[in-house]
Amino acid sequence: MMRWRPNWPALLAVAALASAPAVRAAEDTGVAGPSFKEGDVISLDKIEQIKPFLPPEFWANRDFFFYEGMKMEIGPFYRDYKEAPEFTAASDKFKGQAKVGPDDSLENFTAGRPFAGVDCKGDPQAGTKLMWNFVYKWYGDGVDARYYYSYWDRGEELPLYYEGTSKTIRMSHREEPNLLQEQQGDLFRGEKRTSTFGIEVDAPFDARGILVMTYRYKDSDKPRAQAKNDDTWVYVPTLRRVRRISTAQRTDAVSGTDFTFDDLLSFSGIVPQYEWQCLGEMDILAPVNTKVKAYPYTKDHNFGPYGLSYADDRWELRHAVKVRMKPKNPDHPYHHKDIYFDKETYTPLYSFAYDQKQELWKIIWHNHRWSQDTELAGDWYKGWKEIPKPNNLHVISDTIVNVQTGTGNRIEFWDANGTPYTNPDGEIAQGKVRRYIDIGRLTKGR
């Protein structure tokens, strides 16, 4: 029997032109309206109606996503998903202070949205500014979720999987009024990290008890020559010790998957390592606010015959922005990646990675959930004393398709929320946070 070997990169990744849509400048309003309307159900024989509102690469590979029996519900057009009032207030307070520094770095940023009113057509730095807005979009305290990570090969789910819990905590650039007033948005005084990311594996049995902790630092926003790479530690139960894992090569393929580290959430990398170009704005149809349960509520969600589709859910028409990423590192496996994200919330919708031959390689897309909707599982995303209404459009699934091989991966985390550890009075429980992010926790009591 083959001995199970921990797939360390995959564990880190867990817890992440047929007819082009009308790409347009902001002032161009001559786009034909859709032939579908809210409440319509799109079946396979009706998908031509949505063709003009899908990325061309997606449409060209639609056999992965659209299938006989699909029932795509059309939701509201351009619904207001305005962020928490505290995020808006911080954006207004620090408006005009952040700037793009050397090597696409970020300077003088405190909290909120770094750049307001980005002119995609007239500003040569628009692409970089948009990506800094993407990196520092509103997502509450971070992410707290139960996940299921599955592997697919041309429609067959492989026996390799991971199941467990994960938590990301924003350590700096926070919008809570008390933190802004007392320590410039840092969770702890003198904080050097922007976020911490922890994973615990519950299944399969041979992997149970593996723990991971990753730190990302403020210095990662600096020019490449000054940037500090992430630090990652893994507790291995069979060895009963903590191993330090290098994450410097974030662009390497995750072993056994089609993801790279930087593919999670379409982009989770270091902005100054790339060149950025804004390609325009468009109206895009995408799964924005789910109405169908998946993991951890149920394992029976219909992801289609390839296991990589959200076509049996609710989709909405959104104003979107398209940004092209080009690596500065000549050894990068991608020639470029095009990322579509929601113009209002900066949440990712689709991305398309091209290999060095400039041939389409991977499609990455996402499902989402609005924090104020309780129809699936009640009050699942609670506010806290400083942020009573989180108002967050949260990613709840990452799916990647390798169009060259027919393989893919899906990460489900439908209960993902951004509510922090709190005390009974609703304030952030800093003691609990310190214990969670402490590397010593990985071995205590084990």
Protein backbone atom coordinates (compact mmCIF):
# COMPACT_ATOMS: atom_id res chain seq x y z
CA MET A 1 0.00 0.00 0.00
CA MET A 2 1.30 3.45 -0.90
CA ARG A 3 2.20 5.45 2.18
CA TRP A 4 0.32 8.73 2.51
CA ARG A 5 2.59 11.74 2.28
CA PRO A 6 1.47 15.18 3.43
CA ASN A 7 0.94 17.55 0.52
CA TRP A 8 2.33 20.66 2.24
CA PRO A 9 1.68 23.19 -0.56
CA ALA A 10 -1.89 21.98 -0.95
CA LEU A 11 -2.49 22.42 2.76
CA LEU A 12 -1.27 25.99 2.51
CA ALA A 13 -3.50 26.59 -0.45
CA VAL A 14 -6.62 25.30 1.27
CA ALA A 15 -7.55 27.44 3.94
CA ALA A 16 -7.43 30.91 -0.66
CA LEU A 17 -12.70 34.96 -28.24
CA ALA A 18 -16.04 33.68 -29.25
CA SER A 19 -17.92 36.81 -28.26
CA ALA A 20 -16.27 39.16 -25.81
CA PRO A 21 -18.31 41.00 -23.20
CA ALA A 22 -18.58 44.68 -23.95
CA VAL A 23 -15.31 46.02 -22.54
CA ARG A 24 -15.72 49.75 -22.30
CA ALA A 25 -14.37 52.89 -20.78
CA ALA A 26 -16.33 54.26 -17.86
CA GLU A 27 -18.00 56.97 -19.93
CA ASP A 28 -19.14 54.60 -22.71
CA THR A 29 -22.80 53.69 -22.24
CA GLY A 30 -23.53 52.26 -25.68
CA VAL A 31 -23.69 48.63 -24.50
CA ALA A 32 -26.76 46.64 -25.49
CA GLY A 33 -28.85 45.52 -22.53
CA PRO A 34 -29.37 41.87 -21.63
CA SER A 35 -32.22 39.78 -23.05
CA PHE A 36 -32.69 38.09 -19.67
CA LYS A 37 -34.20 39.58 -16.52
CA GLU A 38 -34.24 38.99 -12.78
CA GLY A 39 -36.08 35.80 -11.93
CA ASP A 40 -35.32 34.05 -15.22
CA VAL A 41 -33.98 30.51 -15.08
CA ILE A 42 -31.30 29.78 -17.66
CA SER A 43 -31.16 26.16 -18.84
CA LEU A 44 -28.63 24.71 -21.26
CA ASP A 45 -30.77 25.51 -24.30
CA LYS A 46 -30.91 29.20 -23.28
CA ILE A 47 -27.25 29.94 -22.58
CA GLU A 48 -26.83 31.97 -25.79
CA GLN A 49 -28.70 34.73 -23.93
CA ILE A 50 -25.86 35.15 -21.44
CA LYS A 51 -22.98 34.82 -23.91
CA PRO A 52 -22.37 38.60 -24.29
CA PHE A 53 -22.01 38.94 -20.50
CA LEU A 54 -19.39 36.27 -19.91
CA PRO A 55 -15.60 36.50 -20.34
CA PRO A 56 -14.72 35.12 -23.80
CA GLU A 57 -12.35 32.49 -22.41
CA PHE A 58 -15.10 31.23 -20.13
CA TRP A 59 -17.58 30.97 -22.99
CA ALA A 60 -15.06 29.15 -25.21
CA ASN A 61 -14.69 26.51 -22.47
CA ARG A 62 -18.34 26.42 -21.44
CA ASP A 63 -18.55 22.61 -21.63
CA PHE A 64 -16.79 22.51 -18.24
CA PHE A 65 -19.47 24.71 -16.68
CA PHE A 66 -22.80 24.41 -18.50
CA TYR A 67 -24.60 21.08 -18.68
CA GLU A 68 -27.92 19.38 -19.36
CA GLY A 69 -30.21 19.90 -16.39
CA MET A 70 -28.59 23.10 -15.13
CA LYS A 71 -30.89 25.70 -13.60
CA MET A 72 -29.15 29.06 -13.34
CA GLU A 73 -31.30 31.62 -11.57
CA ILE A 74 -30.84 35.25 -12.59
CA GLY A 75 -30.65 37.42 -9.49
CA PRO A 76 -30.81 41.21 -9.08
CA PHE A 77 -28.95 43.49 -11.49
CA TYR A 78 -26.29 45.71 -9.85
CA ARG A 79 -27.46 45.06 -6.30
CA ASP A 80 -25.98 47.39 -3.68
CA TYR A 81 -23.34 45.50 -1.68
CA LYS A 82 -21.97 48.55 0.09
CA GLU A 83 -19.25 47.77 2.66
CA ALA A 84 -19.45 48.34 6.40
CA PRO A 85 -19.91 52.05 7.30
CA GLU A 86 -16.64 51.96 9.27
CA PHE A 87 -14.75 50.89 6.14
CA THR A 88 -16.33 53.74 4.17
CA ALA A 89 -15.51 56.21 6.95
CA ALA A 90 -11.84 55.11 7.00
CA SER A 91 -11.67 55.38 3.21
CA ASP A 92 -12.95 58.95 3.40
CA LYS A 93 -10.68 59.88 6.32
CA PHE A 94 -7.48 58.77 4.59
CA LYS A 95 -8.52 59.62 1.04
CA GLY A 96 -5.67 60.93 -1.09
CA GLN A 97 -2.89 59.88 1.31
CA ALA A 98 -1.84 56.51 -0.14
CA LYS A 99 0.33 56.52 -3.23
CA VAL A 100 2.06 54.12 -5.57
CA GLY A 101 5.76 54.01 -4.75
CA PRO A 102 8.77 52.61 -6.62
CA ASP A 103 8.39 49.17 -8.17
CA ASP A 104 4.56 49.29 -7.79
CA SER A 105 4.87 49.40 -3.99
CA LEU A 106 2.33 50.98 -1.66
CA GLU A 107 3.23 53.99 0.48
CA ASN A 108 1.49 55.97 3.23
CA PHE A 109 -1.51 53.65 3.53
CA THR A 110 -3.40 53.45 6.84
CA ALA A 111 -6.84 51.90 6.39
CA GLY A 112 -9.92 51.77 4.18
CA ARG A 113 -9.68 51.72 0.39
CA PRO A 114 -6.23 52.98 -0.65
CA PHE A 115 -7.29 54.73 -3.87
CA ALA A 116 -10.56 56.46 -4.74
CA GLY A 117 -11.84 57.39 -8.17
CA VAL A 118 -9.29 55.41 -10.17
CA ASP A 119 -9.37 56.51 -13.82
CA CYS A 120 -8.87 53.33 -15.80
CA LYS A 121 -8.47 55.20 -19.07
CA GLY A 122 -6.47 58.27 -18.09
CA ASP A 123 -4.18 57.12 -15.25
CA PRO A 124 -1.09 55.08 -16.22
CA GLN A 125 -0.96 53.72 -12.64
CA ALA A 126 -4.61 52.66 -12.70
CA GLY A 127 -3.87 48.93 -12.86
CA THR A 128 -1.56 49.05 -9.83
CA LYS A 129 -3.98 51.21 -7.83
CA LEU A 130 -6.85 48.86 -8.59
CA MET A 131 -4.85 45.88 -7.38
CA TRP A 132 -3.94 47.60 -4.13
CA ASN A 133 -7.68 48.24 -3.71
CA PHE A 134 -8.21 44.54 -4.44
CA VAL A 135 -5.65 43.45 -1.84
CA TYR A 136 -7.07 45.77 0.82
CA LYS A 137 -10.75 45.29 0.05
CA TRP A 138 -13.14 45.03 2.96
CA TYR A 139 -13.45 41.50 4.41
CA GLY A 140 -14.12 41.97 8.09
CA ASP A 141 -11.70 40.46 10.57
CA GLY A 142 -10.52 38.06 7.87
CA VAL A 143 -11.86 34.56 7.20
CA ASP A 144 -13.10 31.90 9.62
CA ALA A 145 -14.29 28.75 7.85
CA ARG A 146 -14.59 25.00 7.58
CA TYR A 147 -13.22 23.78 4.26
CA TYR A 148 -13.35 20.80 1.91
CA TYR A 149 -10.61 20.57 -0.74
CA SER A 150 -11.26 18.14 -3.60
CA TYR A 151 -9.33 16.99 -6.68
CA TRP A 152 -10.95 16.32 -10.07
CA ASP A 153 -9.73 14.60 -13.24
CA ARG A 154 -12.03 14.98 -16.25
CA GLY A 155 -15.17 14.59 -14.18
CA GLU A 156 -13.91 12.04 -11.66
CA GLU A 157 -13.36 13.06 -8.04
CA LEU A 158 -10.06 11.57 -6.90
CA PRO A 159 -9.73 9.98 -3.45
CA LEU A 160 -7.23 12.62 -2.32
CA TYR A 161 -8.95 15.35 -0.30
CA TYR A 162 -8.52 17.58 2.76
CA GLU A 163 -11.12 18.65 5.29
CA GLY A 164 -10.76 20.90 8.32
CA THR A 165 -10.85 24.47 9.55
CA SER A 166 -8.97 27.64 8.65
CA LYS A 167 -8.75 31.18 9.97
CA THR A 168 -7.22 34.36 8.58
CA ILE A 169 -6.85 37.38 10.88
CA ARG A 170 -6.15 40.91 9.68
CA MET A 171 -3.35 42.22 11.88
CA SER A 172 -3.07 45.76 10.54
CA HIS A 173 -4.78 48.41 8.37
CA ARG A 174 -8.03 47.75 10.24
CA GLU A 175 -11.03 50.08 10.25
CA GLU A 176 -12.37 49.73 13.81
CA PRO A 177 -12.55 53.33 15.15
CA ASN A 178 -10.86 52.42 18.45
CA LEU A 179 -7.92 50.75 16.70
CA LEU A 180 -7.50 53.67 14.29
CA GLN A 181 -7.54 56.16 17.14
CA GLU A 182 -5.19 54.27 19.46
CA GLN A 183 -2.74 52.50 17.13
CA GLN A 184 -3.24 53.48 13.50
CA GLY A 185 -5.32 50.43 12.63
CA ASP A 186 -2.91 47.83 14.05
CA LEU A 187 -4.47 45.04 16.09
CA PHE A 188 -1.45 45.13 18.42
CA ARG A 189 0.90 48.07 18.96
CA GLY A 190 4.01 47.91 16.81
CA GLU A 191 2.49 45.19 14.62
CA LYS A 192 4.71 44.13 11.68
CA ARG A 193 2.29 41.67 10.06
CA THR A 194 -0.62 42.41 7.77
CA SER A 195 -2.28 39.03 8.32
CA THR A 196 -1.93 35.58 9.84
CA PHE A 197 -3.35 32.42 8.32
CA GLY A 198 -3.93 29.17 10.19
CA ILE A 199 -5.11 25.72 9.05
CA GLU A 200 -6.09 22.58 10.93
CA VAL A 201 -6.62 19.29 9.09
CA ASP A 202 -9.34 16.97 10.42
CA ALA A 203 -9.44 14.43 7.56
CA PRO A 204 -8.36 12.15 6.00
CA PHE A 205 -7.32 10.14 9.04
CA ASP A 206 -3.64 9.93 8.01
CA ALA A 207 -3.46 13.74 7.84
CA ARG A 208 -5.50 14.50 10.93
CA GLY A 209 -3.80 16.87 13.35
CA ILE A 210 -1.61 18.70 10.84
CA LEU A 211 -1.50 22.40 11.75
CA VAL A 212 -0.23 25.29 9.65
CA MET A 213 0.49 28.93 10.48
CA THR A 214 1.57 31.61 7.99
CA TYR A 215 2.55 35.24 8.62
CA ARG A 216 2.41 37.91 5.94
CA TYR A 217 4.32 41.10 6.71
CA LYS A 218 3.80 44.80 6.07
CA ASP A 219 7.16 44.80 4.30
CA SER A 220 5.65 42.71 1.50
CA ASP A 221 4.08 45.99 0.26
CA LYS A 222 7.54 47.49 -0.29
CA PRO A 223 9.65 47.35 -3.48
CA ARG A 224 10.89 43.84 -4.26
CA ALA A 225 14.43 44.50 -3.06
CA GLN A 226 13.11 45.41 0.42
CA ALA A 227 10.19 42.99 0.66
CA LYS A 228 9.97 40.25 3.27
CA ASN A 229 8.58 36.86 2.23
CA ASP A 230 5.91 35.04 4.20
CA ASP A 231 6.90 32.76 7.07
CA THR A 232 5.12 29.41 7.38
CA TRP A 233 5.28 26.68 10.03
CA VAL A 234 3.71 23.21 9.90
CA TYR A 235 3.15 20.84 12.81
CA VAL A 236 3.52 17.20 11.67
CA PRO A 237 1.87 14.75 14.08
CA THR A 238 3.92 11.76 12.91
CA LEU A 239 7.12 13.67 13.61
CA ARG A 240 5.75 15.46 16.70
CA ARG A 241 7.57 18.60 15.76
CA VAL A 242 7.13 21.86 13.84
CA ARG A 243 8.75 22.26 10.45
CA ARG A 244 9.42 25.61 8.85
CA ILE A 245 8.32 25.70 5.21
CA SER A 246 9.68 28.08 2.59
CA THR A 247 6.99 30.02 0.75
CA ALA A 248 9.36 32.19 -1.26
CA GLN A 249 8.37 30.38 -4.46
CA ARG A 250 4.71 31.27 -4.37
CA THR A 251 4.41 30.80 -8.12
CA ASP A 252 5.31 27.10 -8.05
CA ALA A 253 2.50 24.70 -8.87
CA VAL A 254 0.92 23.32 -5.72
CA SER A 255 1.88 19.66 -5.62
CA GLY A 256 -0.91 17.47 -6.94
CA THR A 257 -3.15 20.43 -7.86
CA ASP A 258 -3.57 23.04 -10.57
CA PHE A 259 -3.31 25.93 -8.09
CA THR A 260 -0.29 28.04 -7.31
CA PHE A 261 -0.22 29.87 -3.97
CA ASP A 262 -0.96 33.12 -5.75
CA ASP A 263 -4.04 31.73 -7.54
CA LEU A 264 -6.16 31.63 -4.39
CA LEU A 265 -8.96 34.22 -4.55
CA SER A 266 -7.70 34.78 -8.14
CA PHE A 267 -4.73 36.67 -6.69
CA SER A 268 -3.20 36.37 -3.24
CA GLY A 269 0.35 37.29 -4.15
CA ILE A 270 2.69 40.24 -3.71
CA VAL A 271 1.63 43.20 -5.86
CA PRO A 272 5.14 44.64 -6.54
CA GLN A 273 6.22 41.34 -8.11
CA TYR A 274 4.03 42.08 -11.13
CA GLU A 275 3.19 44.76 -13.66
CA TRP A 276 -0.45 45.82 -13.79
CA GLN A 277 -2.60 47.22 -16.58
CA CYS A 278 -6.27 48.15 -16.47
CA LEU A 279 -7.96 46.82 -19.64
CA GLY A 280 -11.35 48.40 -19.11
CA GLU A 281 -14.78 47.98 -17.56
CA MET A 282 -17.65 45.75 -18.54
CA ASP A 283 -20.89 44.19 -17.34
CA ILE A 284 -20.34 40.61 -16.23
CA LEU A 285 -22.70 37.83 -15.15
CA ALA A 286 -21.31 35.77 -12.26
CA PRO A 287 -22.38 33.73 -9.20
CA VAL A 288 -22.39 36.52 -6.64
CA ASN A 289 -24.74 35.55 -3.80
CA THR A 290 -25.42 31.84 -3.40
CA LYS A 291 -28.83 30.43 -2.57
CA VAL A 292 -27.81 26.74 -2.57
CA LYS A 293 -26.01 25.10 0.35
CA ALA A 294 -22.65 23.36 0.01
CA TYR A 295 -19.90 22.28 2.44
CA PRO A 296 -20.02 22.35 5.45
CA TYR A 297 -23.81 22.49 5.37
CA THR A 298 -24.11 19.65 2.84
CA LYS A 299 -21.97 17.57 0.49
CA ASP A 300 -24.77 17.22 -2.07
CA HIS A 301 -24.39 20.53 -3.91
CA ASN A 302 -24.57 19.93 -7.67
CA PHE A 303 -21.28 21.13 -9.16
CA GLY A 304 -22.03 19.61 -12.57
CA PRO A 305 -20.53 16.57 -14.34
CA TYR A 306 -16.98 17.96 -14.10
CA GLY A 307 -17.42 18.92 -10.44
CA LEU A 308 -16.25 22.45 -11.22
CA SER A 309 -19.45 24.42 -11.94
CA TYR A 310 -21.74 26.86 -10.12
CA ALA A 311 -24.38 26.78 -12.88
CA ASP A 312 -27.06 25.47 -10.50
CA ASP A 313 -27.01 28.61 -8.37
CA ARG A 314 -27.99 32.29 -8.48
CA TRP A 315 -26.01 34.60 -10.79
CA GLU A 316 -26.12 38.40 -10.92
CA LEU A 317 -25.16 41.08 -13.40
CA ARG A 318 -22.33 43.24 -12.06
CA HIS A 319 -20.18 46.17 -13.13
CA ALA A 320 -16.70 44.72 -13.37
CA VAL A 321 -13.11 45.79 -14.02
CA LYS A 322 -10.54 43.78 -15.96
CA VAL A 323 -6.86 44.00 -14.96
CA ARG A 324 -3.92 42.26 -16.60
CA MET A 325 -1.04 40.93 -14.51
CA LYS A 326 2.41 40.38 -16.04
CA PRO A 327 5.17 38.83 -13.91
CA LYS A 328 8.40 40.78 -13.44
CA ASN A 329 10.20 37.48 -12.77
CA PRO A 330 11.18 35.95 -16.14
CA ASP A 331 10.98 32.45 -14.61
CA HIS A 332 7.32 32.81 -13.74
CA PRO A 333 5.16 30.04 -15.31
CA TYR A 334 2.54 32.55 -16.49
CA HIS A 335 2.96 34.93 -19.38
CA HIS A 336 0.03 36.91 -17.98
CA LYS A 337 -3.23 36.57 -16.08
CA ASP A 338 -6.41 38.56 -16.68
CA ILE A 339 -8.47 39.17 -13.53
CA TYR A 340 -12.11 40.30 -13.50
CA PHE A 341 -13.35 41.69 -10.21
CA ASP A 342 -16.47 43.44 -8.97
CA LYS A 343 -16.15 47.20 -9.34
CA GLU A 344 -18.09 48.00 -6.15
CA THR A 345 -16.61 45.49 -3.69
CA TYR A 346 -13.38 44.37 -5.43
CA THR A 347 -14.32 40.76 -4.83
CA PRO A 348 -12.88 38.42 -7.51
CA LEU A 349 -15.20 37.00 -10.16
CA TYR A 350 -13.01 35.27 -12.76
CA SER A 351 -9.37 35.05 -13.78
CA PHE A 352 -7.59 33.49 -16.75
CA ALA A 353 -3.94 32.44 -16.66
CA TYR A 354 -1.89 32.07 -19.86
CA ASP A 355 1.27 30.00 -20.25
CA GLN A 356 4.52 31.26 -21.76
CA LYS A 357 3.22 30.38 -25.24
CA GLN A 358 0.34 32.77 -24.49
CA GLU A 359 -2.15 29.91 -24.64
CA LEU A 360 -4.98 29.74 -22.12
CA TRP A 361 -3.94 27.44 -19.30
CA LYS A 362 -6.21 27.90 -16.28
CA ILE A 363 -9.62 29.33 -15.47
CA ILE A 364 -10.20 30.38 -11.86
CA TRP A 365 -13.60 31.47 -10.61
CA HIS A 366 -15.53 31.85 -7.39
CA ASN A 367 -18.85 31.71 -5.62
CA HIS A 368 -19.84 34.30 -2.99
CA ARG A 369 -22.22 35.01 -0.15
CA TRP A 370 -23.60 38.29 1.23
CA SER A 371 -23.17 38.66 4.98
CA GLN A 372 -26.61 40.19 5.50
CA ASP A 373 -28.53 37.32 3.88
CA THR A 374 -29.71 34.71 6.36
CA GLU A 375 -31.77 32.47 4.07
CA LEU A 376 -29.30 29.53 4.09
CA ALA A 377 -28.29 29.15 7.71
CA GLY A 378 -29.63 32.00 9.81
CA ASP A 379 -27.33 34.61 11.36
CA TRP A 380 -24.04 33.11 10.21
CA TYR A 381 -21.88 36.28 9.99
CA LYS A 382 -22.23 38.26 13.21
CA GLY A 383 -21.03 41.80 13.82
CA TRP A 384 -19.03 42.94 16.83
CA LYS A 385 -18.91 46.00 19.05
CA GLU A 386 -16.90 48.21 16.69
CA ILE A 387 -18.44 46.82 13.46
CA PRO A 388 -22.08 45.95 14.24
CA LYS A 389 -23.02 45.48 10.54
CA PRO A 390 -20.16 43.80 8.64
CA ASN A 391 -21.79 44.20 5.18
CA ASN A 392 -19.36 41.86 3.44
CA LEU A 393 -19.61 40.08 0.08
CA HIS A 394 -17.50 37.04 1.00
CA VAL A 395 -15.84 34.48 -1.28
CA ILE A 396 -17.04 31.00 -0.24
CA SER A 397 -15.44 28.83 -2.92
CA ASP A 398 -12.42 28.78 -5.22
CA THR A 399 -12.51 26.57 -8.33
CA ILE A 400 -9.73 26.15 -10.87
CA VAL A 401 -9.87 24.36 -14.22
CA ASN A 402 -6.80 23.38 -16.23
CA VAL A 403 -8.26 23.63 -19.73
CA GLN A 404 -5.20 21.93 -21.22
CA THR A 405 -5.56 18.72 -19.17
CA GLY A 406 -9.20 18.68 -18.04
CA THR A 407 -8.18 18.48 -14.39
CA GLY A 408 -9.19 20.85 -11.62
CA ASN A 409 -9.64 21.56 -7.94
CA ARG A 410 -12.44 22.94 -5.81
CA ILE A 411 -12.25 24.44 -2.34
CA GLU A 412 -15.61 24.85 -0.56
CA PHE A 413 -16.08 26.94 2.57
CA TRP A 414 -19.72 28.07 2.52
CA ASP A 415 -19.72 29.17 6.17
CA ALA A 416 -16.78 31.57 5.72
CA ASN A 417 -17.26 34.70 7.80
CA GLY A 418 -15.18 37.59 9.05
CA THR A 419 -16.33 37.77 12.66
CA PRO A 420 -13.39 38.04 15.10
CA TYR A 421 -12.83 36.32 18.41
CA THR A 422 -14.82 38.44 20.86
CA ASN A 423 -15.33 38.79 24.60
CA PRO A 424 -18.85 38.69 26.10
CA ASP A 425 -19.10 42.48 25.68
CA GLY A 426 -18.48 42.19 21.92
CA GLU A 427 -14.95 43.58 21.92
CA ILE A 428 -12.13 41.78 20.13
CA ALA A 429 -10.63 39.17 22.46
CA GLN A 430 -6.97 40.03 21.96
CA GLY A 431 -5.86 37.26 24.31
CA LYS A 432 -7.56 34.64 22.14
CA VAL A 433 -5.97 36.15 19.05
CA ARG A 434 -2.50 36.03 20.62
CA ARG A 435 -2.97 32.39 21.56
CA TYR A 436 -4.19 31.46 18.08
CA ILE A 437 -1.31 33.08 16.19
CA ASP A 438 1.37 31.88 18.62
CA ILE A 439 3.65 29.36 16.88
CA GLY A 440 4.03 27.57 20.19
CA ARG A 441 0.32 26.68 20.01
CA LEU A 442 1.09 24.23 17.21
CA THR A 443 2.67 21.78 19.65
CA LYS A 444 1.11 22.58 23.03
CA GLY A 445 -0.86 19.70 24.44
CA ARG A 446 0.09 17.34 21.64
